């Protein structure tokens, strides 16, 4: 089975490249053995979206802003490595 591809599509007009790079680094560090590629995809029009093998995990417009990193890691984990423990990121806080 091929390794999953994560695409982070970000708005260049909004200057969200550094945010996209940070998310990419966090996901690479957490899922180094489970993913095959992370692509940064420049776009315009306020777009910020994260897809795993074409399945939309996060959409800034649909989901109301940017994800907390623990929320994003859990969503990606559920698709690429369902049995993987995320340690403290698996703990649900009082506001979640």
PDB file of N, CA and C in Angstrom:
ATOM      1  N   UNK A   1       0.834  -1.173   0.000  1.00  0.00           N
ATOM      2  CA  UNK A   1       0.000   0.000   0.000  1.00  0.00           C
ATOM      3  C   UNK A   1       0.889   1.250   0.000  1.00  0.00           C
ATOM      4  N   UNK A   2       0.639   2.190  -0.923  1.00  0.00           N
ATOM      5  CA  UNK A   2       1.481   3.389  -0.969  1.00  0.00           C
ATOM      6  C   UNK A   2       1.265   4.280   0.258  1.00  0.00           C
ATOM      7  N   UNK A   3       2.305   4.997   0.608  1.00  0.00           N
ATOM      8  CA  UNK A   3       2.222   5.908   1.748  1.00  0.00           C
ATOM      9  C   UNK A   3       1.344   7.103   1.414  1.00  0.00           C
ATOM     10  N   UNK A   4       0.602   7.598   2.382  1.00  0.00           N
ATOM     11  CA  UNK A   4      -0.309   8.717   2.145  1.00  0.00           C
ATOM     12  C   UNK A   4       0.417  10.007   1.759  1.00  0.00           C
ATOM     13  N   UNK A   5      -0.291  10.814   0.995  1.00  0.00           N
ATOM     14  CA  UNK A   5       0.186  12.145   0.597  1.00  0.00           C
ATOM     15  C   UNK A   5      -0.693  13.185   1.289  1.00  0.00           C
ATOM     16  N   UNK A   6      -0.049  14.123   1.955  1.00  0.00           N
ATOM     17  CA  UNK A   6      -0.759  15.223   2.597  1.00  0.00           C
ATOM     18  C   UNK A   6      -0.489  16.479   1.784  1.00  0.00           C
ATOM     19  N   UNK A   7      -1.556  17.186   1.436  1.00  0.00           N
ATOM     20  CA  UNK A   7      -1.424  18.448   0.709  1.00  0.00           C
ATOM     21  C   UNK A   7      -1.951  19.574   1.593  1.00  0.00           C
ATOM     22  N   UNK A   8      -1.124  20.588   1.780  1.00  0.00           N
ATOM     23  CA  UNK A   8      -1.529  21.774   2.520  1.00  0.00           C
ATOM     24  C   UNK A   8      -1.622  22.910   1.504  1.00  0.00           C
ATOM     25  N   UNK A   9      -2.842  23.316   1.208  1.00  0.00           N
ATOM     26  CA  UNK A   9      -3.092  24.378   0.240  1.00  0.00           C
ATOM     27  C   UNK A   9      -3.296  25.675   1.013  1.00  0.00           C
ATOM     28  N   UNK A  10      -2.515  26.685   0.667  1.00  0.00           N
ATOM     29  CA  UNK A  10      -2.525  27.932   1.445  1.00  0.00           C
ATOM     30  C   UNK A  10      -2.574  29.146   0.523  1.00  0.00           C
ATOM     31  N   UNK A  11      -3.140  30.236   1.029  1.00  0.00           N
ATOM     32  CA  UNK A  11      -3.268  31.483   0.278  1.00  0.00           C
ATOM     33  C   UNK A  11      -1.965  32.275   0.364  1.00  0.00           C
ATOM     34  N   UNK A  12      -1.361  32.526  -0.793  1.00  0.00           N
ATOM     35  CA  UNK A  12      -0.137  33.328  -0.819  1.00  0.00           C
ATOM     36  C   UNK A  12      -0.440  34.804  -0.589  1.00  0.00           C
ATOM     37  N   UNK A  13      -1.602  35.259  -1.029  1.00  0.00           N
ATOM     38  CA  UNK A  13      -1.987  36.660  -0.828  1.00  0.00           C
ATOM     39  C   UNK A  13      -2.144  36.976   0.664  1.00  0.00           C
ATOM     40  N   UNK A  14      -2.549  35.978   1.424  1.00  0.00           N
ATOM     41  CA  UNK A  14      -2.762  36.143   2.868  1.00  0.00           C
ATOM     42  C   UNK A  14      -1.474  35.941   3.664  1.00  0.00           C
ATOM     43  N   UNK A  15      -0.425  35.530   2.976  1.00  0.00           N
ATOM     44  CA  UNK A  15       0.876  35.276   3.607  1.00  0.00           C
ATOM     45  C   UNK A  15       0.819  34.140   4.630  1.00  0.00           C
ATOM     46  N   UNK A  16       0.180  33.045   4.230  1.00  0.00           N
ATOM     47  CA  UNK A  16       0.032  31.909   5.135  1.00  0.00           C
ATOM     48  C   UNK A  16       1.057  30.806   4.889  1.00  0.00           C
ATOM     49  N   UNK A  17       2.120  31.111   4.122  1.00  0.00           N
ATOM     50  CA  UNK A  17       3.120  30.091   3.836  1.00  0.00           C
ATOM     51  C   UNK A  17       3.829  29.612   5.107  1.00  0.00           C
ATOM     52  N   UNK A  18       4.203  30.520   5.999  1.00  0.00           N
ATOM     53  CA  UNK A  18       4.898  30.099   7.224  1.00  0.00           C
ATOM     54  C   UNK A  18       4.017  29.208   8.091  1.00  0.00           C
ATOM     55  N   UNK A  19       2.731  29.515   8.137  1.00  0.00           N
ATOM     56  CA  UNK A  19       1.784  28.673   8.888  1.00  0.00           C
ATOM     57  C   UNK A  19       1.734  27.279   8.255  1.00  0.00           C
ATOM     58  N   UNK A  20       1.658  27.238   6.929  1.00  0.00           N
ATOM     59  CA  UNK A  20       1.621  25.953   6.214  1.00  0.00           C
ATOM     60  C   UNK A  20       2.904  25.158   6.461  1.00  0.00           C
ATOM     61  N   UNK A  21       4.043  25.849   6.450  1.00  0.00           N
ATOM     62  CA  UNK A  21       5.322  25.181   6.701  1.00  0.00           C
ATOM     63  C   UNK A  21       5.382  24.623   8.124  1.00  0.00           C
ATOM     64  N   UNK A  22       4.864  25.370   9.073  1.00  0.00           N
ATOM     65  CA  UNK A  22       4.882  24.906  10.458  1.00  0.00           C
ATOM     66  C   UNK A  22       4.030  23.650  10.627  1.00  0.00           C
ATOM     67  N   UNK A  23       2.805  23.680  10.056  1.00  0.00           N
ATOM     68  CA  UNK A  23       1.958  22.488  10.114  1.00  0.00           C
ATOM     69  C   UNK A  23       2.669  21.302   9.450  1.00  0.00           C
ATOM     70  N   UNK A  24       3.293  21.540   8.302  1.00  0.00           N
ATOM     71  CA  UNK A  24       4.000  20.464   7.593  1.00  0.00           C
ATOM     72  C   UNK A  24       5.098  19.862   8.470  1.00  0.00           C
ATOM     73  N   UNK A  25       5.871  20.717   9.117  1.00  0.00           N
ATOM     74  CA  UNK A  25       6.946  20.235   9.987  1.00  0.00           C
ATOM     75  C   UNK A  25       6.422  19.414  11.153  1.00  0.00           C
ATOM     76  N   UNK A  26       5.354  19.887  11.765  1.00  0.00           N
ATOM     77  CA  UNK A  26       4.748  19.159  12.883  1.00  0.00           C
ATOM     78  C   UNK A  26       4.239  17.787  12.434  1.00  0.00           C
ATOM     79  N   UNK A  27       3.599  17.739  11.263  1.00  0.00           N
ATOM     80  CA  UNK A  27       3.070  16.464  10.769  1.00  0.00           C
ATOM     81  C   UNK A  27       4.199  15.522  10.369  1.00  0.00           C
ATOM     82  N   UNK A  28       5.252  16.048   9.752  1.00  0.00           N
ATOM     83  CA  UNK A  28       6.401  15.211   9.389  1.00  0.00           C
ATOM     84  C   UNK A  28       7.074  14.623  10.622  1.00  0.00           C
ATOM     85  N   UNK A  29       7.199  15.416  11.652  1.00  0.00           N
ATOM     86  CA  UNK A  29       7.842  14.938  12.872  1.00  0.00           C
ATOM     87  C   UNK A  29       6.993  13.868  13.555  1.00  0.00           C
ATOM     88  N   UNK A  30       5.691  14.061  13.574  1.00  0.00           N
ATOM     89  CA  UNK A  30       4.800  13.132  14.259  1.00  0.00           C
ATOM     90  C   UNK A  30       4.586  11.843  13.477  1.00  0.00           C
ATOM     91  N   UNK A  31       4.490  11.954  12.153  1.00  0.00           N
ATOM     92  CA  UNK A  31       4.144  10.798  11.319  1.00  0.00           C
ATOM     93  C   UNK A  31       5.270  10.429  10.358  1.00  0.00           C
ATOM     94  N   UNK A  32       6.513  10.526  10.805  1.00  0.00           N
ATOM     95  CA  UNK A  32       7.652  10.306   9.927  1.00  0.00           C
ATOM     96  C   UNK A  32       7.637   8.939   9.247  1.00  0.00           C
ATOM     97  N   UNK A  33       7.133   7.918   9.912  1.00  0.00           N
ATOM     98  CA  UNK A  33       7.118   6.589   9.314  1.00  0.00           C
ATOM     99  C   UNK A  33       5.822   6.231   8.618  1.00  0.00           C
ATOM    100  N   UNK A  34       4.822   7.087   8.731  1.00  0.00           N
ATOM    101  CA  UNK A  34       3.495   6.737   8.202  1.00  0.00           C
ATOM    102  C   UNK A  34       3.105   7.497   6.934  1.00  0.00           C
ATOM    103  N   UNK A  35       3.783   8.600   6.632  1.00  0.00           N
ATOM    104  CA  UNK A  35       3.400   9.353   5.435  1.00  0.00           C
ATOM    105  C   UNK A  35       4.517   9.327   4.403  1.00  0.00           C
ATOM    106  N   UNK A  36       4.120   9.456   3.150  1.00  0.00           N
ATOM    107  CA  UNK A  36       5.086   9.423   2.068  1.00  0.00           C
ATOM    108  C   UNK A  36       5.476  10.799   1.572  1.00  0.00           C
ATOM    109  N   UNK A  37       4.577  11.765   1.726  1.00  0.00           N
ATOM    110  CA  UNK A  37       4.843  13.082   1.164  1.00  0.00           C
ATOM    111  C   UNK A  37       3.949  14.131   1.822  1.00  0.00           C
ATOM    112  N   UNK A  38       4.512  15.323   1.996  1.00  0.00           N
ATOM    113  CA  UNK A  38       3.714  16.490   2.344  1.00  0.00           C
ATOM    114  C   UNK A  38       4.020  17.543   1.293  1.00  0.00           C
ATOM    115  N   UNK A  39       2.973  18.028   0.650  1.00  0.00           N
ATOM    116  CA  UNK A  39       3.130  19.045  -0.391  1.00  0.00           C
ATOM    117  C   UNK A  39       2.532  20.357   0.076  1.00  0.00           C
ATOM    118  N   UNK A  40       3.246  21.448  -0.183  1.00  0.00           N
ATOM    119  CA  UNK A  40       2.726  22.785   0.045  1.00  0.00           C
ATOM    120  C   UNK A  40       2.231  23.306  -1.297  1.00  0.00           C
ATOM    121  N   UNK A  41       0.950  23.655  -1.354  1.00  0.00           N
ATOM    122  CA  UNK A  41       0.308  24.022  -2.609  1.00  0.00           C
ATOM    123  C   UNK A  41      -0.145  25.480  -2.533  1.00  0.00           C
ATOM    124  N   UNK A  42       0.540  26.393  -3.247  1.00  0.00           N
ATOM    125  CA  UNK A  42       0.137  27.790  -3.208  1.00  0.00           C
ATOM    126  C   UNK A  42      -1.200  28.009  -3.909  1.00  0.00           C
ATOM    127  N   UNK A  43      -2.003  28.906  -3.336  1.00  0.00           N
ATOM    128  CA  UNK A  43      -3.311  29.241  -3.895  1.00  0.00           C
ATOM    129  C   UNK A  43      -3.604  30.713  -3.575  1.00  0.00           C
ATOM    130  N   UNK A  44      -4.800  31.154  -3.885  1.00  0.00           N
ATOM    131  CA  UNK A  44      -5.226  32.520  -3.586  1.00  0.00           C
ATOM    132  C   UNK A  44      -6.645  32.471  -3.024  1.00  0.00           C
ATOM    133  N   UNK A  45      -7.190  33.630  -2.727  1.00  0.00           N
ATOM    134  CA  UNK A  45      -8.588  33.710  -2.324  1.00  0.00           C
ATOM    135  C   UNK A  45      -8.902  33.276  -0.908  1.00  0.00           C
ATOM    136  N   UNK A  46      -7.924  33.358  -0.006  1.00  0.00           N
ATOM    137  CA  UNK A  46      -8.193  33.006   1.385  1.00  0.00           C
ATOM    138  C   UNK A  46      -8.252  31.517   1.660  1.00  0.00           C
ATOM    139  N   UNK A  47      -7.715  30.717   0.748  1.00  0.00           N
ATOM    140  CA  UNK A  47      -7.753  29.262   0.892  1.00  0.00           C
ATOM    141  C   UNK A  47      -6.739  28.776   1.920  1.00  0.00           C
ATOM    142  N   UNK A  48      -7.178  27.924   2.817  1.00  0.00           N
ATOM    143  CA  UNK A  48      -6.282  27.154   3.680  1.00  0.00           C
ATOM    144  C   UNK A  48      -6.961  25.830   3.930  1.00  0.00           C
ATOM    145  N   UNK A  49      -6.389  24.785   3.311  1.00  0.00           N
ATOM    146  CA  UNK A  49      -7.029  23.471   3.343  1.00  0.00           C
ATOM    147  C   UNK A  49      -5.959  22.402   3.512  1.00  0.00           C
ATOM    148  N   UNK A  50      -6.294  21.348   4.227  1.00  0.00           N
ATOM    149  CA  UNK A  50      -5.382  20.219   4.403  1.00  0.00           C
ATOM    150  C   UNK A  50      -6.118  18.957   3.972  1.00  0.00           C
ATOM    151  N   UNK A  51      -5.502  18.232   3.030  1.00  0.00           N
ATOM    152  CA  UNK A  51      -6.079  17.007   2.481  1.00  0.00           C
ATOM    153  C   UNK A  51      -5.117  15.851   2.682  1.00  0.00           C
ATOM    154  N   UNK A  52      -5.660  14.679   2.961  1.00  0.00           N
ATOM    155  CA  UNK A  52      -4.882  13.451   3.034  1.00  0.00           C
ATOM    156  C   UNK A  52      -5.401  12.530   1.934  1.00  0.00           C
ATOM    157  N   UNK A  53      -4.550  12.260   0.965  1.00  0.00           N
ATOM    158  CA  UNK A  53      -4.937  11.439  -0.192  1.00  0.00           C
ATOM    159  C   UNK A  53      -6.256  11.907  -0.803  1.00  0.00           C
ATOM    160  N   UNK A  54      -6.420  13.213  -0.933  1.00  0.00           N
ATOM    161  CA  UNK A  54      -7.609  13.773  -1.564  1.00  0.00           C
ATOM    162  C   UNK A  54      -8.804  13.948  -0.637  1.00  0.00           C
ATOM    163  N   UNK A  55      -8.721  13.415   0.570  1.00  0.00           N
ATOM    164  CA  UNK A  55      -9.823  13.568   1.527  1.00  0.00           C
ATOM    165  C   UNK A  55      -9.571  14.806   2.384  1.00  0.00           C
ATOM    166  N   UNK A  56     -10.518  15.718   2.379  1.00  0.00           N
ATOM    167  CA  UNK A  56     -10.368  16.964   3.103  1.00  0.00           C
ATOM    168  C   UNK A  56     -10.417  16.736   4.612  1.00  0.00           C
ATOM    169  N   UNK A  57      -9.330  17.123   5.280  1.00  0.00           N
ATOM    170  CA  UNK A  57      -9.222  16.986   6.727  1.00  0.00           C
ATOM    171  C   UNK A  57      -9.581  18.312   7.400  1.00  0.00           C
ATOM    172  N   UNK A  58      -9.165  19.412   6.775  1.00  0.00           N
ATOM    173  CA  UNK A  58      -9.440  20.723   7.351  1.00  0.00           C
ATOM    174  C   UNK A  58      -9.639  21.732   6.243  1.00  0.00           C
ATOM    175  N   UNK A  59     -10.608  22.613   6.421  1.00  0.00           N
ATOM    176  CA  UNK A  59     -10.854  23.707   5.503  1.00  0.00           C
ATOM    177  C   UNK A  59     -11.158  24.941   6.349  1.00  0.00           C
ATOM    178  N   UNK A  60     -10.322  25.951   6.221  1.00  0.00           N
ATOM    179  CA  UNK A  60     -10.463  27.151   7.053  1.00  0.00           C
ATOM    180  C   UNK A  60     -11.852  27.766   6.952  1.00  0.00           C
ATOM    181  N   UNK A  61     -12.393  27.809   5.754  1.00  0.00           N
ATOM    182  CA  UNK A  61     -13.710  28.423   5.561  1.00  0.00           C
ATOM    183  C   UNK A  61     -14.823  27.548   6.150  1.00  0.00           C
ATOM    184  N   UNK A  62     -14.736  26.263   5.926  1.00  0.00           N
ATOM    185  CA  UNK A  62     -15.760  25.333   6.433  1.00  0.00           C
ATOM    186  C   UNK A  62     -15.680  25.163   7.945  1.00  0.00           C
ATOM    187  N   UNK A  63     -14.447  25.048   8.456  1.00  0.00           N
ATOM    188  CA  UNK A  63     -14.244  24.712   9.865  1.00  0.00           C
ATOM    189  C   UNK A  63     -14.034  25.919  10.769  1.00  0.00           C
ATOM    190  N   UNK A  64     -14.039  27.108  10.202  1.00  0.00           N
ATOM    191  CA  UNK A  64     -13.978  28.314  11.015  1.00  0.00           C
ATOM    192  C   UNK A  64     -12.605  28.657  11.554  1.00  0.00           C
ATOM    193  N   UNK A  65     -11.642  28.816  10.698  1.00  0.00           N
ATOM    194  CA  UNK A  65     -10.315  29.228  11.135  1.00  0.00           C
ATOM    195  C   UNK A  65      -9.286  28.131  10.937  1.00  0.00           C
ATOM    196  N   UNK A  66      -8.245  28.201  11.731  1.00  0.00           N
ATOM    197  CA  UNK A  66      -7.135  27.261  11.621  1.00  0.00           C
ATOM    198  C   UNK A  66      -7.219  26.238  12.743  1.00  0.00           C
ATOM    199  N   UNK A  67      -6.749  25.004  12.481  1.00  0.00           N
ATOM    200  CA  UNK A  67      -6.843  23.975  13.519  1.00  0.00           C
ATOM    201  C   UNK A  67      -5.776  24.143  14.595  1.00  0.00           C
ATOM    202  N   UNK A  68      -6.141  23.752  15.804  1.00  0.00           N
ATOM    203  CA  UNK A  68      -5.123  23.573  16.838  1.00  0.00           C
ATOM    204  C   UNK A  68      -4.290  22.376  16.388  1.00  0.00           C
ATOM    205  N   UNK A  69      -3.004  22.385  16.677  1.00  0.00           N
ATOM    206  CA  UNK A  69      -2.143  21.317  16.171  1.00  0.00           C
ATOM    207  C   UNK A  69      -2.565  19.943  16.704  1.00  0.00           C
ATOM    208  N   UNK A  70      -3.021  19.864  17.949  1.00  0.00           N
ATOM    209  CA  UNK A  70      -3.446  18.561  18.473  1.00  0.00           C
ATOM    210  C   UNK A  70      -4.677  18.052  17.732  1.00  0.00           C
ATOM    211  N   UNK A  71      -5.585  18.941  17.406  1.00  0.00           N
ATOM    212  CA  UNK A  71      -6.789  18.570  16.651  1.00  0.00           C
ATOM    213  C   UNK A  71      -6.414  18.068  15.258  1.00  0.00           C
ATOM    214  N   UNK A  72      -5.482  18.772  14.610  1.00  0.00           N
ATOM    215  CA  UNK A  72      -5.038  18.368  13.273  1.00  0.00           C
ATOM    216  C   UNK A  72      -4.332  17.018  13.319  1.00  0.00           C
ATOM    217  N   UNK A  73      -3.457  16.821  14.298  1.00  0.00           N
ATOM    218  CA  UNK A  73      -2.738  15.550  14.415  1.00  0.00           C
ATOM    219  C   UNK A  73      -3.706  14.388  14.633  1.00  0.00           C
ATOM    220  N   UNK A  74      -4.729  14.597  15.450  1.00  0.00           N
ATOM    221  CA  UNK A  74      -5.705  13.522  15.672  1.00  0.00           C
ATOM    222  C   UNK A  74      -6.450  13.196  14.377  1.00  0.00           C
ATOM    223  N   UNK A  75      -6.845  14.217  13.624  1.00  0.00           N
ATOM    224  CA  UNK A  75      -7.577  13.996  12.370  1.00  0.00           C
ATOM    225  C   UNK A  75      -6.712  13.275  11.345  1.00  0.00           C
ATOM    226  N   UNK A  76      -5.448  13.667  11.238  1.00  0.00           N
ATOM    227  CA  UNK A  76      -4.536  13.007  10.299  1.00  0.00           C
ATOM    228  C   UNK A  76      -4.252  11.589  10.764  1.00  0.00           C
ATOM    229  N   UNK A  77      -4.001  11.412  12.055  1.00  0.00           N
ATOM    230  CA  UNK A  77      -3.735  10.079  12.615  1.00  0.00           C
ATOM    231  C   UNK A  77      -4.871   9.106  12.320  1.00  0.00           C
ATOM    232  N   UNK A  78      -6.113   9.581  12.450  1.00  0.00           N
ATOM    233  CA  UNK A  78      -7.263   8.716  12.225  1.00  0.00           C
ATOM    234  C   UNK A  78      -7.298   8.176  10.795  1.00  0.00           C
ATOM    235  N   UNK A  79      -6.661   8.874   9.863  1.00  0.00           N
ATOM    236  CA  UNK A  79      -6.619   8.422   8.472  1.00  0.00           C
ATOM    237  C   UNK A  79      -5.370   7.627   8.132  1.00  0.00           C
ATOM    238  N   UNK A  80      -4.209   8.025   8.663  1.00  0.00           N
ATOM    239  CA  UNK A  80      -2.963   7.399   8.225  1.00  0.00           C
ATOM    240  C   UNK A  80      -2.406   6.353   9.183  1.00  0.00           C
ATOM    241  N   UNK A  81      -2.746   6.439  10.459  1.00  0.00           N
ATOM    242  CA  UNK A  81      -2.208   5.499  11.453  1.00  0.00           C
ATOM    243  C   UNK A  81      -3.169   5.401  12.631  1.00  0.00           C
ATOM    244  N   UNK A  82      -4.351   4.807  12.414  1.00  0.00           N
ATOM    245  CA  UNK A  82      -5.389   4.802  13.449  1.00  0.00           C
ATOM    246  C   UNK A  82      -4.964   4.256  14.815  1.00  0.00           C
ATOM    247  N   UNK A  83      -4.025   3.354  14.863  1.00  0.00           N
ATOM    248  CA  UNK A  83      -3.612   2.773  16.140  1.00  0.00           C
ATOM    249  C   UNK A  83      -2.501   3.536  16.840  1.00  0.00           C
ATOM    250  N   UNK A  84      -1.975   4.573  16.216  1.00  0.00           N
ATOM    251  CA  UNK A  84      -0.834   5.302  16.767  1.00  0.00           C
ATOM    252  C   UNK A  84      -1.248   6.170  17.953  1.00  0.00           C
ATOM    253  N   UNK A  85      -0.462   6.095  19.011  1.00  0.00           N
ATOM    254  CA  UNK A  85      -0.686   6.958  20.169  1.00  0.00           C
ATOM    255  C   UNK A  85      -0.027   8.307  19.908  1.00  0.00           C
ATOM    256  N   UNK A  86      -0.733   9.362  20.269  1.00  0.00           N
ATOM    257  CA  UNK A  86      -0.175  10.717  20.135  1.00  0.00           C
ATOM    258  C   UNK A  86       0.197  11.299  21.486  1.00  0.00           C
ATOM    259  N   UNK A  87       0.222  10.463  22.508  1.00  0.00           N
ATOM    260  CA  UNK A  87       0.598  10.941  23.830  1.00  0.00           C
ATOM    261  C   UNK A  87      -0.338  12.006  24.337  1.00  0.00           C
ATOM    262  N   UNK A  88       0.215  13.166  24.691  1.00  0.00           N
ATOM    263  CA  UNK A  88      -0.596  14.236  25.258  1.00  0.00           C
ATOM    264  C   UNK A  88      -1.647  14.767  24.276  1.00  0.00           C
ATOM    265  N   UNK A  89      -1.426  14.626  22.972  1.00  0.00           N
ATOM    266  CA  UNK A  89      -2.392  15.106  21.980  1.00  0.00           C
ATOM    267  C   UNK A  89      -3.670  14.266  21.971  1.00  0.00           C
ATOM    268  N   UNK A  90      -3.613  13.079  22.558  1.00  0.00           N
ATOM    269  CA  UNK A  90      -4.797  12.232  22.640  1.00  0.00           C
ATOM    270  C   UNK A  90      -5.719  12.640  23.791  1.00  0.00           C
ATOM    271  N   UNK A  91      -5.190  13.392  24.709  1.00  0.00           N
ATOM    272  CA  UNK A  91      -6.003  13.815  25.860  1.00  0.00           C
ATOM    273  C   UNK A  91      -6.925  14.937  25.463  1.00  0.00           C
ATOM    274  N   UNK A  92      -8.173  14.792  25.789  1.00  0.00           N
ATOM    275  CA  UNK A  92      -9.162  15.821  25.472  1.00  0.00           C
ATOM    276  C   UNK A  92      -9.298  16.719  26.678  1.00  0.00           C
ATOM    277  N   UNK A  93      -9.101  18.024  26.468  1.00  0.00           N
ATOM    278  CA  UNK A  93      -9.181  18.987  27.553  1.00  0.00           C
ATOM    279  C   UNK A  93     -10.621  19.360  27.870  1.00  0.00           C
ATOM    280  N   UNK A  94     -10.817  20.183  28.899  1.00  0.00           N
ATOM    281  CA  UNK A  94     -12.169  20.562  29.335  1.00  0.00           C
ATOM    282  C   UNK A  94     -12.956  21.336  28.276  1.00  0.00           C
ATOM    283  N   UNK A  95     -12.264  22.067  27.375  1.00  0.00           N
ATOM    284  CA  UNK A  95     -12.968  22.848  26.370  1.00  0.00           C
ATOM    285  C   UNK A  95     -13.278  22.038  25.129  1.00  0.00           C
ATOM    286  N   UNK A  96     -12.787  20.801  25.023  1.00  0.00           N
ATOM    287  CA  UNK A  96     -13.012  19.991  23.823  1.00  0.00           C
ATOM    288  C   UNK A  96     -14.081  18.951  24.040  1.00  0.00           C
TER     289      UNK A  96
END
